[in-house]
Amino acid sequence: QVQLVESGGDSVQAGSALRLSCTASGLTVSHEDMAWFRGGDEPKEFLGTATRDGVLYLIDSVTGRFTISRNNNANTMYLQMNALQPEDTATYYCAARCLNGRCDSGYTYWGRGTQVTVSP
């Protein structure tokens, strides 16, 4: 059974840093296109990707503060978040395997999310 489990969310003050983890079972992260999203209601905001080809991409609004990485031995994808601001408050989700062969169509597998709360 495929499972994605996010962890690392916390309640912090503005300017703090958090490192979110997405640990996978039932799939190998190095062989998958994966992504981070955040939000409460649908549609979730796309943040960035770590593709099976090794491309690491983040949207412009978080580039410079956030970093995506993978540890293949740990079968885990990470989202390092620095200089957090209250507007970053959200539930953060990881996802894997592009739906119907196209990433713009969505992802097949999703974690249940980890909550990040940033106080001023």
C-alpha atoms as a PDB file:
ATOM      1  CA  GLN A   1       0.000   0.000   0.000  1.00  0.00           C
ATOM      2  CA  VAL A   2       1.325   3.444  -0.940  1.00  0.00           C
ATOM      3  CA  GLN A   3       1.462   5.925   1.889  1.00  0.00           C
ATOM      4  CA  LEU A   4       2.858   9.443   2.206  1.00  0.00           C
ATOM      5  CA  VAL A   5       3.289  10.851   5.696  1.00  0.00           C
ATOM      6  CA  GLU A   6       4.139  14.504   6.299  1.00  0.00           C
ATOM      7  CA  SER A   7       5.764  15.630   9.513  1.00  0.00           C
ATOM      8  CA  GLY A   8       7.556  18.634  10.941  1.00  0.00           C
ATOM      9  CA  GLY A   9       4.720  21.119  11.137  1.00  0.00           C
ATOM     10  CA  ASP A  10       4.602  23.280  14.226  1.00  0.00           C
ATOM     11  CA  SER A  11       3.460  26.572  15.677  1.00  0.00           C
ATOM     12  CA  VAL A  12       6.292  29.104  15.461  1.00  0.00           C
ATOM     13  CA  GLN A  13       6.948  32.823  15.504  1.00  0.00           C
ATOM     14  CA  ALA A  14       7.635  34.900  12.420  1.00  0.00           C
ATOM     15  CA  GLY A  15      11.209  34.592  11.240  1.00  0.00           C
ATOM     16  CA  SER A  16      11.528  30.991  12.380  1.00  0.00           C
ATOM     17  CA  ALA A  17      12.433  27.998  10.229  1.00  0.00           C
ATOM     18  CA  LEU A  18      10.841  24.594   9.838  1.00  0.00           C
ATOM     19  CA  ARG A  19      11.831  21.513   7.883  1.00  0.00           C
ATOM     20  CA  LEU A  20       8.913  19.456   6.674  1.00  0.00           C
ATOM     21  CA  SER A  21       9.371  15.809   5.773  1.00  0.00           C
ATOM     22  CA  CYS A  22       7.364  13.571   3.488  1.00  0.00           C
ATOM     23  CA  THR A  23       8.264   9.951   4.081  1.00  0.00           C
ATOM     24  CA  ALA A  24       6.971   7.455   1.549  1.00  0.00           C
ATOM     25  CA  SER A  25       6.202   3.781   1.748  1.00  0.00           C
ATOM     26  CA  GLY A  26       5.082   1.584  -1.101  1.00  0.00           C
ATOM     27  CA  LEU A  27       6.962   3.700  -3.648  1.00  0.00           C
ATOM     28  CA  THR A  28      10.507   4.896  -4.199  1.00  0.00           C
ATOM     29  CA  VAL A  29      10.747   8.678  -4.155  1.00  0.00           C
ATOM     30  CA  SER A  30      13.754   8.754  -6.488  1.00  0.00           C
ATOM     31  CA  HIS A  31      11.597   7.114  -9.154  1.00  0.00           C
ATOM     32  CA  GLU A  32       8.647   9.477  -8.761  1.00  0.00           C
ATOM     33  CA  ASP A  33       7.654  13.008  -9.602  1.00  0.00           C
ATOM     34  CA  MET A  34       6.724  14.604  -6.292  1.00  0.00           C
ATOM     35  CA  ALA A  35       5.412  17.957  -5.165  1.00  0.00           C
ATOM     36  CA  TRP A  36       4.553  20.151  -2.202  1.00  0.00           C
ATOM     37  CA  PHE A  37       1.244  21.998  -1.850  1.00  0.00           C
ATOM     38  CA  ARG A  38      -0.378  24.053   0.848  1.00  0.00           C
ATOM     39  CA  GLY A  39      -3.841  25.268   1.661  1.00  0.00           C
ATOM     40  CA  GLY A  40      -7.061  24.557   3.469  1.00  0.00           C
ATOM     41  CA  ASP A  41      -9.745  24.380   0.825  1.00  0.00           C
ATOM     42  CA  GLU A  42      -9.438  23.121  -2.721  1.00  0.00           C
ATOM     43  CA  PRO A  43      -7.654  23.893  -4.907  1.00  0.00           C
ATOM     44  CA  LYS A  44      -4.429  23.681  -2.965  1.00  0.00           C
ATOM     45  CA  GLU A  45      -1.627  26.084  -3.799  1.00  0.00           C
ATOM     46  CA  PHE A  46       1.210  24.450  -5.706  1.00  0.00           C
ATOM     47  CA  LEU A  47       4.596  25.223  -4.147  1.00  0.00           C
ATOM     48  CA  GLY A  48       7.176  23.180  -6.007  1.00  0.00           C
ATOM     49  CA  THR A  49       8.350  19.864  -7.385  1.00  0.00           C
ATOM     50  CA  ALA A  50      11.124  17.320  -7.079  1.00  0.00           C
ATOM     51  CA  THR A  51      11.007  15.281 -10.260  1.00  0.00           C
ATOM     52  CA  ARG A  52      12.383  11.833 -10.939  1.00  0.00           C
ATOM     53  CA  ASP A  53      14.760  13.501 -13.416  1.00  0.00           C
ATOM     54  CA  GLY A  54      16.306  15.480 -10.560  1.00  0.00           C
ATOM     55  CA  VAL A  55      14.708  18.856 -11.262  1.00  0.00           C
ATOM     56  CA  LEU A  56      13.961  20.905  -8.135  1.00  0.00           C
ATOM     57  CA  TYR A  57      11.575  23.780  -8.710  1.00  0.00           C
ATOM     58  CA  LEU A  58       9.820  26.296  -6.470  1.00  0.00           C
ATOM     59  CA  ILE A  59       7.354  29.010  -7.364  1.00  0.00           C
ATOM     60  CA  ASP A  60       8.721  32.540  -7.398  1.00  0.00           C
ATOM     61  CA  SER A  61       6.923  33.660  -4.263  1.00  0.00           C
ATOM     62  CA  VAL A  62       8.839  31.221  -2.038  1.00  0.00           C
ATOM     63  CA  THR A  63      12.129  30.913  -3.923  1.00  0.00           C
ATOM     64  CA  GLY A  64      14.882  32.206  -1.668  1.00  0.00           C
ATOM     65  CA  ARG A  65      13.069  31.179   1.505  1.00  0.00           C
ATOM     66  CA  PHE A  66      12.017  27.592   0.759  1.00  0.00           C
ATOM     67  CA  THR A  67      14.097  24.697  -0.554  1.00  0.00           C
ATOM     68  CA  ILE A  68      13.024  21.269  -1.794  1.00  0.00           C
ATOM     69  CA  SER A  69      15.331  18.286  -1.420  1.00  0.00           C
ATOM     70  CA  ARG A  70      15.285  14.490  -1.317  1.00  0.00           C
ATOM     71  CA  ASN A  71      17.104  11.871   0.672  1.00  0.00           C
ATOM     72  CA  ASN A  72      16.787   8.756  -1.418  1.00  0.00           C
ATOM     73  CA  ASN A  73      18.179   6.452   1.254  1.00  0.00           C
ATOM     74  CA  ALA A  74      15.528   7.695   3.663  1.00  0.00           C
ATOM     75  CA  ASN A  75      12.887   7.618   0.918  1.00  0.00           C
ATOM     76  CA  THR A  76      11.924  11.115   2.012  1.00  0.00           C
ATOM     77  CA  MET A  77      11.281  14.481   0.374  1.00  0.00           C
ATOM     78  CA  TYR A  78      11.840  17.654   2.391  1.00  0.00           C
ATOM     79  CA  LEU A  79      10.655  21.227   2.341  1.00  0.00           C
ATOM     80  CA  GLN A  80      12.998  23.557   4.206  1.00  0.00           C
ATOM     81  CA  MET A  81      11.150  26.751   5.080  1.00  0.00           C
ATOM     82  CA  ASN A  82      13.089  29.756   6.358  1.00  0.00           C
ATOM     83  CA  ALA A  83      12.002  33.243   7.388  1.00  0.00           C
ATOM     84  CA  LEU A  84       8.440  32.094   7.927  1.00  0.00           C
ATOM     85  CA  GLN A  85       5.723  34.716   7.944  1.00  0.00           C
ATOM     86  CA  PRO A  86       2.109  34.607   9.142  1.00  0.00           C
ATOM     87  CA  GLU A  87       0.907  34.322   5.551  1.00  0.00           C
ATOM     88  CA  ASP A  88       2.706  30.967   5.365  1.00  0.00           C
ATOM     89  CA  THR A  89       0.216  29.549   7.851  1.00  0.00           C
ATOM     90  CA  ALA A  90      -1.449  26.574   6.180  1.00  0.00           C
ATOM     91  CA  THR A  91      -1.647  22.822   6.043  1.00  0.00           C
ATOM     92  CA  TYR A  92       1.237  21.522   3.936  1.00  0.00           C
ATOM     93  CA  TYR A  93       0.818  18.429   1.767  1.00  0.00           C
ATOM     94  CA  CYS A  94       3.114  16.239  -0.266  1.00  0.00           C
ATOM     95  CA  ALA A  95       2.026  14.395  -3.382  1.00  0.00           C
ATOM     96  CA  ALA A  96       3.522  11.806  -5.702  1.00  0.00           C
ATOM     97  CA  ARG A  97       3.091  10.360  -9.181  1.00  0.00           C
ATOM     98  CA  CYS A  98       1.533  12.565 -11.810  1.00  0.00           C
ATOM     99  CA  LEU A  99      -2.050  11.729 -12.616  1.00  0.00           C
ATOM    100  CA  ASN A 100      -2.816  10.292 -16.028  1.00  0.00           C
ATOM    101  CA  GLY A 101       0.773  10.832 -17.095  1.00  0.00           C
ATOM    102  CA  ARG A 102       0.687  14.635 -16.750  1.00  0.00           C
ATOM    103  CA  CYS A 103       1.650  16.572 -13.641  1.00  0.00           C
ATOM    104  CA  ASP A 104      -0.657  19.447 -14.556  1.00  0.00           C
ATOM    105  CA  SER A 105      -3.512  16.963 -14.190  1.00  0.00           C
ATOM    106  CA  GLY A 106      -2.666  16.397 -10.539  1.00  0.00           C
ATOM    107  CA  TYR A 107      -1.048  13.662  -8.511  1.00  0.00           C
ATOM    108  CA  THR A 108      -2.084  10.142  -7.657  1.00  0.00           C
ATOM    109  CA  TYR A 109      -0.988   9.907  -4.032  1.00  0.00           C
ATOM    110  CA  TRP A 110      -1.350  12.471  -1.247  1.00  0.00           C
ATOM    111  CA  GLY A 111      -0.425  12.726   2.369  1.00  0.00           C
ATOM    112  CA  ARG A 112      -2.879  13.934   4.960  1.00  0.00           C
ATOM    113  CA  GLY A 113      -0.934  17.125   5.634  1.00  0.00           C
ATOM    114  CA  THR A 114       1.002  18.753   8.441  1.00  0.00           C
ATOM    115  CA  GLN A 115      -0.054  22.030  10.013  1.00  0.00           C
ATOM    116  CA  VAL A 116       2.216  25.074  10.019  1.00  0.00           C
ATOM    117  CA  THR A 117       1.134  28.061  12.075  1.00  0.00           C
ATOM    118  CA  VAL A 118       3.217  31.237  12.104  1.00  0.00           C
ATOM    119  CA  SER A 119       2.522  33.926  14.677  1.00  0.00           C
ATOM    120  CA  PRO A 120       3.606  37.543  14.201  1.00  0.00           C
END
